[in-house]
C-alpha atoms as a PDB file:
ATOM      1  CA  UNK A   1     152.385 112.956 117.176  1.00  0.00           C
ATOM      2  CA  UNK A   2     150.017 110.598 115.466  1.00  0.00           C
ATOM      3  CA  UNK A   3     150.930 109.589 111.907  1.00  0.00           C
ATOM      4  CA  UNK A   4     147.979 108.805 109.642  1.00  0.00           C
ATOM      5  CA  UNK A   5     145.959 111.959 108.862  1.00  0.00           C
ATOM      6  CA  UNK A   6     148.297 113.944 111.144  1.00  0.00           C
ATOM      7  CA  UNK A   7     151.979 113.712 110.200  1.00  0.00           C
ATOM      8  CA  UNK A   8     150.836 112.486 106.787  1.00  0.00           C
ATOM      9  CA  UNK A   9     147.687 113.233 104.825  1.00  0.00           C
ATOM     10  CA  UNK A  10     146.871 109.591 104.184  1.00  0.00           C
ATOM     11  CA  UNK A  11     145.547 106.537 105.997  1.00  0.00           C
ATOM     12  CA  UNK A  12     148.206 103.949 105.145  1.00  0.00           C
ATOM     13  CA  UNK A  13     145.909 100.977 105.610  1.00  0.00           C
ATOM     14  CA  UNK A  14     143.634 102.433 102.949  1.00  0.00           C
ATOM     15  CA  UNK A  15     146.557 102.818 100.552  1.00  0.00           C
ATOM     16  CA  UNK A  16     147.453  99.177 101.189  1.00  0.00           C
ATOM     17  CA  UNK A  17     143.797  98.206 100.768  1.00  0.00           C
ATOM     18  CA  UNK A  18     143.822  99.822  97.318  1.00  0.00           C
ATOM     19  CA  UNK A  19     146.295  97.179  96.187  1.00  0.00           C
ATOM     20  CA  UNK A  20     144.079  94.443  97.643  1.00  0.00           C
ATOM     21  CA  UNK A  21     140.948  95.898  96.038  1.00  0.00           C
ATOM     22  CA  UNK A  22     139.176  96.448  99.379  1.00  0.00           C
ATOM     23  CA  UNK A  23     139.659 100.184 100.022  1.00  0.00           C
ATOM     24  CA  UNK A  24     135.982 101.072 100.426  1.00  0.00           C
ATOM     25  CA  UNK A  25     135.400  98.257 102.899  1.00  0.00           C
ATOM     26  CA  UNK A  26     138.490  99.183 104.930  1.00  0.00           C
ATOM     27  CA  UNK A  27     137.781 102.941 104.873  1.00  0.00           C
ATOM     28  CA  UNK A  28     134.359 102.430 106.479  1.00  0.00           C
ATOM     29  CA  UNK A  29     135.882 100.494 109.376  1.00  0.00           C
ATOM     30  CA  UNK A  30     138.710 103.041 109.759  1.00  0.00           C
ATOM     31  CA  UNK A  31     136.257 105.922 110.012  1.00  0.00           C
ATOM     32  CA  UNK A  32     134.176 104.116 112.623  1.00  0.00           C
ATOM     33  CA  UNK A  33     137.259 103.295 114.708  1.00  0.00           C
ATOM     34  CA  UNK A  34     138.490 106.895 114.590  1.00  0.00           C
ATOM     35  CA  UNK A  35     135.124 108.046 115.910  1.00  0.00           C
ATOM     36  CA  UNK A  36     135.536 105.615 118.793  1.00  0.00           C
ATOM     37  CA  UNK A  37     132.515 103.550 117.791  1.00  0.00           C
ATOM     38  CA  UNK A  38     134.310 100.197 117.685  1.00  0.00           C
ATOM     39  CA  UNK A  39     137.288  98.662 119.486  1.00  0.00           C
ATOM     40  CA  UNK A  40     140.539  99.653 117.812  1.00  0.00           C
ATOM     41  CA  UNK A  41     142.311  96.287 118.032  1.00  0.00           C
ATOM     42  CA  UNK A  42     139.289  94.434 116.710  1.00  0.00           C
ATOM     43  CA  UNK A  43     138.942  96.883 113.826  1.00  0.00           C
ATOM     44  CA  UNK A  44     142.665  96.774 113.058  1.00  0.00           C
ATOM     45  CA  UNK A  45     142.846  92.998 112.920  1.00  0.00           C
ATOM     46  CA  UNK A  46     139.765  92.782 110.698  1.00  0.00           C
ATOM     47  CA  UNK A  47     141.197  95.354 108.282  1.00  0.00           C
ATOM     48  CA  UNK A  48     144.659  93.774 108.215  1.00  0.00           C
ATOM     49  CA  UNK A  49     143.119  90.385 107.439  1.00  0.00           C
ATOM     50  CA  UNK A  50     141.910  91.774 104.100  1.00  0.00           C
ATOM     51  CA  UNK A  51     145.532  92.427 103.068  1.00  0.00           C
ATOM     52  CA  UNK A  52     146.541  88.741 103.085  1.00  0.00           C
ATOM     53  CA  UNK A  53     148.438  87.718  99.978  1.00  0.00           C
ATOM     54  CA  UNK A  54     149.869  91.125  99.048  1.00  0.00           C
ATOM     55  CA  UNK A  55     153.553  90.955  98.111  1.00  0.00           C
ATOM     56  CA  UNK A  56     155.891  92.833 100.446  1.00  0.00           C
ATOM     57  CA  UNK A  57     156.966  95.041  97.525  1.00  0.00           C
ATOM     58  CA  UNK A  58     153.693  96.877  98.199  1.00  0.00           C
ATOM     59  CA  UNK A  59     155.451  98.744 101.021  1.00  0.00           C
ATOM     60  CA  UNK A  60     157.709 100.561  98.570  1.00  0.00           C
ATOM     61  CA  UNK A  61     154.768 101.418  96.335  1.00  0.00           C
ATOM     62  CA  UNK A  62     152.699 102.732  99.230  1.00  0.00           C
ATOM     63  CA  UNK A  63     155.605 104.748 100.629  1.00  0.00           C
ATOM     64  CA  UNK A  64     155.866 106.483  97.250  1.00  0.00           C
ATOM     65  CA  UNK A  65     152.208 107.506  97.577  1.00  0.00           C
ATOM     66  CA  UNK A  66     152.413 108.881 101.126  1.00  0.00           C
ATOM     67  CA  UNK A  67     151.969 112.657 101.281  1.00  0.00           C
ATOM     68  CA  UNK A  68     153.370 114.619 104.209  1.00  0.00           C
ATOM     69  CA  UNK A  69     150.969 117.047 105.836  1.00  0.00           C
ATOM     70  CA  UNK A  70     151.627 120.687 105.040  1.00  0.00           C
ATOM     71  CA  UNK A  71     154.096 122.157 107.507  1.00  0.00           C
ATOM     72  CA  UNK A  72     155.311 118.795 108.817  1.00  0.00           C
ATOM     73  CA  UNK A  73     158.989 119.348 108.009  1.00  0.00           C
ATOM     74  CA  UNK A  74     158.837 122.925 109.309  1.00  0.00           C
ATOM     75  CA  UNK A  75     157.339 121.788 112.622  1.00  0.00           C
ATOM     76  CA  UNK A  76     159.955 119.065 113.054  1.00  0.00           C
ATOM     77  CA  UNK A  77     162.762 121.507 112.215  1.00  0.00           C
ATOM     78  CA  UNK A  78     161.421 124.115 114.646  1.00  0.00           C
ATOM     79  CA  UNK A  79     161.402 121.614 117.509  1.00  0.00           C
ATOM     80  CA  UNK A  80     164.861 120.298 116.637  1.00  0.00           C
ATOM     81  CA  UNK A  81     166.271 123.813 116.294  1.00  0.00           C
ATOM     82  CA  UNK A  82     165.035 124.570 119.814  1.00  0.00           C
ATOM     83  CA  UNK A  83     166.785 121.474 121.186  1.00  0.00           C
ATOM     84  CA  UNK A  84     163.648 119.375 121.432  1.00  0.00           C
ATOM     85  CA  UNK A  85     162.795 115.940 120.126  1.00  0.00           C
ATOM     86  CA  UNK A  86     160.023 114.633 117.919  1.00  0.00           C
ATOM     87  CA  UNK A  87     158.343 111.234 118.092  1.00  0.00           C
ATOM     88  CA  UNK A  88     155.678 109.600 115.947  1.00  0.00           C
ATOM     89  CA  UNK A  89     153.470 106.825 117.271  1.00  0.00           C
ATOM     90  CA  UNK A  90     151.063 105.098 114.935  1.00  0.00           C
ATOM     91  CA  UNK A  91     148.241 102.614 114.883  1.00  0.00           C
ATOM     92  CA  UNK A  92     149.539 102.025 111.374  1.00  0.00           C
ATOM     93  CA  UNK A  93     152.569 100.029 110.340  1.00  0.00           C
ATOM     94  CA  UNK A  94     156.291 100.066 111.057  1.00  0.00           C
ATOM     95  CA  UNK A  95     157.108  98.993 107.492  1.00  0.00           C
ATOM     96  CA  UNK A  96     155.971 102.438 106.342  1.00  0.00           C
ATOM     97  CA  UNK A  97     156.810 104.511 109.409  1.00  0.00           C
ATOM     98  CA  UNK A  98     160.442 103.367 109.791  1.00  0.00           C
ATOM     99  CA  UNK A  99     161.672 104.689 106.420  1.00  0.00           C
ATOM    100  CA  UNK A 100     159.525 107.791 106.835  1.00  0.00           C
ATOM    101  CA  UNK A 101     161.032 108.436 110.276  1.00  0.00           C
ATOM    102  CA  UNK A 102     164.540 108.091 108.859  1.00  0.00           C
ATOM    103  CA  UNK A 103     163.738 110.556 106.080  1.00  0.00           C
ATOM    104  CA  UNK A 104     162.287 113.087 108.546  1.00  0.00           C
ATOM    105  CA  UNK A 105     165.000 112.587 111.179  1.00  0.00           C
ATOM    106  CA  UNK A 106     162.479 111.682 113.881  1.00  0.00           C
ATOM    107  CA  UNK A 107     163.953 110.899 117.282  1.00  0.00           C
ATOM    108  CA  UNK A 108     161.405 108.225 118.167  1.00  0.00           C
ATOM    109  CA  UNK A 109     158.852 106.143 116.319  1.00  0.00           C
ATOM    110  CA  UNK A 110     156.603 103.186 117.036  1.00  0.00           C
ATOM    111  CA  UNK A 111     153.891 101.343 115.088  1.00  0.00           C
ATOM    112  CA  UNK A 112     152.328  97.946 114.499  1.00  0.00           C
ATOM    113  CA  UNK A 113     154.190  95.270 112.540  1.00  0.00           C
ATOM    114  CA  UNK A 114     152.523  93.483 109.655  1.00  0.00           C
ATOM    115  CA  UNK A 115     153.454  89.813 109.462  1.00  0.00           C
ATOM    116  CA  UNK A 116     155.286  88.828 106.283  1.00  0.00           C
ATOM    117  CA  UNK A 117     156.060  85.210 105.432  1.00  0.00           C
ATOM    118  CA  UNK A 118     157.878  84.130 102.268  1.00  0.00           C
ATOM    119  CA  UNK A 119     157.587  87.629 100.845  1.00  0.00           C
ATOM    120  CA  UNK A 120     153.841  88.031 101.300  1.00  0.00           C
ATOM    121  CA  UNK A 121     151.560  89.561 103.929  1.00  0.00           C
ATOM    122  CA  UNK A 122     149.740  86.913 105.934  1.00  0.00           C
ATOM    123  CA  UNK A 123     146.899  89.165 107.052  1.00  0.00           C
ATOM    124  CA  UNK A 124     148.227  89.027 110.615  1.00  0.00           C
ATOM    125  CA  UNK A 125     150.221  91.209 112.986  1.00  0.00           C
ATOM    126  CA  UNK A 126     153.336  90.534 115.052  1.00  0.00           C
ATOM    127  CA  UNK A 127     153.908  91.832 118.561  1.00  0.00           C
ATOM    128  CA  UNK A 128     151.888  94.163 120.777  1.00  0.00           C
ATOM    129  CA  UNK A 129     149.150  96.304 119.277  1.00  0.00           C
ATOM    130  CA  UNK A 130     149.747 100.055 119.255  1.00  0.00           C
ATOM    131  CA  UNK A 131     146.388 101.237 120.552  1.00  0.00           C
ATOM    132  CA  UNK A 132     145.420 104.334 122.544  1.00  0.00           C
ATOM    133  CA  UNK A 133     146.978 102.955 125.739  1.00  0.00           C
ATOM    134  CA  UNK A 134     150.213 102.093 123.939  1.00  0.00           C
ATOM    135  CA  UNK A 135     150.379 105.581 122.447  1.00  0.00           C
ATOM    136  CA  UNK A 136     150.238 107.137 125.913  1.00  0.00           C
ATOM    137  CA  UNK A 137     152.887 104.699 127.139  1.00  0.00           C
ATOM    138  CA  UNK A 138     155.153 105.676 124.238  1.00  0.00           C
ATOM    139  CA  UNK A 139     154.808 109.358 125.102  1.00  0.00           C
ATOM    140  CA  UNK A 140     155.707 108.709 128.740  1.00  0.00           C
ATOM    141  CA  UNK A 141     158.638 106.482 127.789  1.00  0.00           C
ATOM    142  CA  UNK A 142     160.082 108.992 125.334  1.00  0.00           C
ATOM    143  CA  UNK A 143     159.670 111.888 127.768  1.00  0.00           C
ATOM    144  CA  UNK A 144     161.555 109.882 130.384  1.00  0.00           C
ATOM    145  CA  UNK A 145     164.281 109.002 127.875  1.00  0.00           C
ATOM    146  CA  UNK A 146     164.734 112.702 127.147  1.00  0.00           C
ATOM    147  CA  UNK A 147     164.754 113.523 130.855  1.00  0.00           C
ATOM    148  CA  UNK A 148     161.596 115.612 130.672  1.00  0.00           C
ATOM    149  CA  UNK A 149     158.330 115.454 132.574  1.00  0.00           C
ATOM    150  CA  UNK A 150     155.221 114.631 130.502  1.00  0.00           C
ATOM    151  CA  UNK A 151     153.850 118.115 131.121  1.00  0.00           C
ATOM    152  CA  UNK A 152     156.584 119.396 128.799  1.00  0.00           C
ATOM    153  CA  UNK A 153     155.382 117.177 125.963  1.00  0.00           C
ATOM    154  CA  UNK A 154     152.886 118.284 123.316  1.00  0.00           C
ATOM    155  CA  UNK A 155     150.703 115.628 121.656  1.00  0.00           C
ATOM    156  CA  UNK A 156     149.067 115.989 118.236  1.00  0.00           C
ATOM    157  CA  UNK A 157     146.383 113.693 116.833  1.00  0.00           C
ATOM    158  CA  UNK A 158     143.027 113.399 115.128  1.00  0.00           C
ATOM    159  CA  UNK A 159     141.236 110.267 116.314  1.00  0.00           C
ATOM    160  CA  UNK A 160     139.910 108.459 119.388  1.00  0.00           C
ATOM    161  CA  UNK A 161     143.114 106.417 119.468  1.00  0.00           C
ATOM    162  CA  UNK A 162     145.003 109.584 120.498  1.00  0.00           C
ATOM    163  CA  UNK A 163     142.913 110.480 123.548  1.00  0.00           C
ATOM    164  CA  UNK A 164     145.003 108.640 126.173  1.00  0.00           C
ATOM    165  CA  UNK A 165     148.064 110.388 124.773  1.00  0.00           C
ATOM    166  CA  UNK A 166     146.259 113.709 125.198  1.00  0.00           C
ATOM    167  CA  UNK A 167     145.553 112.884 128.845  1.00  0.00           C
ATOM    168  CA  UNK A 168     149.232 112.482 129.787  1.00  0.00           C
ATOM    169  CA  UNK A 169     150.652 115.302 127.662  1.00  0.00           C
ATOM    170  CA  UNK A 170     151.091 118.823 128.954  1.00  0.00           C
ATOM    171  CA  UNK A 171     149.503 120.260 125.810  1.00  0.00           C
ATOM    172  CA  UNK A 172     147.273 118.512 123.280  1.00  0.00           C
ATOM    173  CA  UNK A 173     146.361 119.488 119.742  1.00  0.00           C
ATOM    174  CA  UNK A 174     143.347 118.160 117.834  1.00  0.00           C
ATOM    175  CA  UNK A 175     144.483 118.338 114.211  1.00  0.00           C
ATOM    176  CA  UNK A 176     141.589 118.281 111.709  1.00  0.00           C
ATOM    177  CA  UNK A 177     140.059 115.957 114.251  1.00  0.00           C
ATOM    178  CA  UNK A 178     136.797 114.173 114.983  1.00  0.00           C
ATOM    179  CA  UNK A 179     134.356 116.139 117.202  1.00  0.00           C
ATOM    180  CA  UNK A 180     134.988 114.014 120.297  1.00  0.00           C
ATOM    181  CA  UNK A 181     138.732 114.612 119.925  1.00  0.00           C
ATOM    182  CA  UNK A 182     138.368 118.373 119.531  1.00  0.00           C
ATOM    183  CA  UNK A 183     136.315 118.432 122.739  1.00  0.00           C
ATOM    184  CA  UNK A 184     139.133 116.761 124.703  1.00  0.00           C
ATOM    185  CA  UNK A 185     142.065 118.721 123.272  1.00  0.00           C
ATOM    186  CA  UNK A 186     143.598 121.898 124.649  1.00  0.00           C
ATOM    187  CA  UNK A 187     143.859 123.436 121.177  1.00  0.00           C
ATOM    188  CA  UNK A 188     142.045 122.610 117.934  1.00  0.00           C
ATOM    189  CA  UNK A 189     143.623 123.249 114.556  1.00  0.00           C
ATOM    190  CA  UNK A 190     141.157 122.916 111.719  1.00  0.00           C
ATOM    191  CA  UNK A 191     143.376 124.199 108.913  1.00  0.00           C
ATOM    192  CA  UNK A 192     145.590 121.502 107.336  1.00  0.00           C
ATOM    193  CA  UNK A 193     148.955 123.040 108.224  1.00  0.00           C
ATOM    194  CA  UNK A 194     151.143 121.740 111.050  1.00  0.00           C
ATOM    195  CA  UNK A 195     153.040 125.035 111.154  1.00  0.00           C
ATOM    196  CA  UNK A 196     150.074 126.374 113.129  1.00  0.00           C
ATOM    197  CA  UNK A 197     151.263 124.257 116.072  1.00  0.00           C
ATOM    198  CA  UNK A 198     154.608 126.079 116.328  1.00  0.00           C
ATOM    199  CA  UNK A 199     153.439 129.372 117.951  1.00  0.00           C
ATOM    200  CA  UNK A 200     151.825 127.417 120.794  1.00  0.00           C
ATOM    201  CA  UNK A 201     155.032 125.592 121.743  1.00  0.00           C
ATOM    202  CA  UNK A 202     157.533 127.005 124.223  1.00  0.00           C
ATOM    203  CA  UNK A 203     160.544 126.736 121.951  1.00  0.00           C
ATOM    204  CA  UNK A 204     162.546 129.712 123.180  1.00  0.00           C
END
């Protein structure tokens, strides 16, 4: 599943932007990228650049503010109880996702890495960008690791960045999603509760 506005209620980059005093500016770009109006990598790099100078202690403060989506723990437990696995792939940041994944007992997770030098964010990123193509690649890689075909994987997301993942999954859920995402998903869930995914999964 996607992370920001799916697994969690928040957009992490906007929480970070609050500390840099640029939330409104960043939120506008985020919204446009989620609608598929601008290139994701370009939008991500421009937003991350506004975070330069923040102390790395901001990660702990932001993590404290992150709110899980309703039903998130129940969905994860239901899949685990049935012998399945759960992965989260994010266009957000590993510094937030890694501790969250540990807390939720996720089997897989992947996200972008914010560059930190001498205890402060540089406004840059390290390593490959987790864009829509990378999200689909993660799904395929994790399915293979689990010994399952992609058609036995369900994908959940809300933005244009999730559409490639939808294409390779056997079942796709648009979760409180943008119109173009709802049109491309197998199932749309417009109530903010991830428990509504559970009845559609073959967990028996």
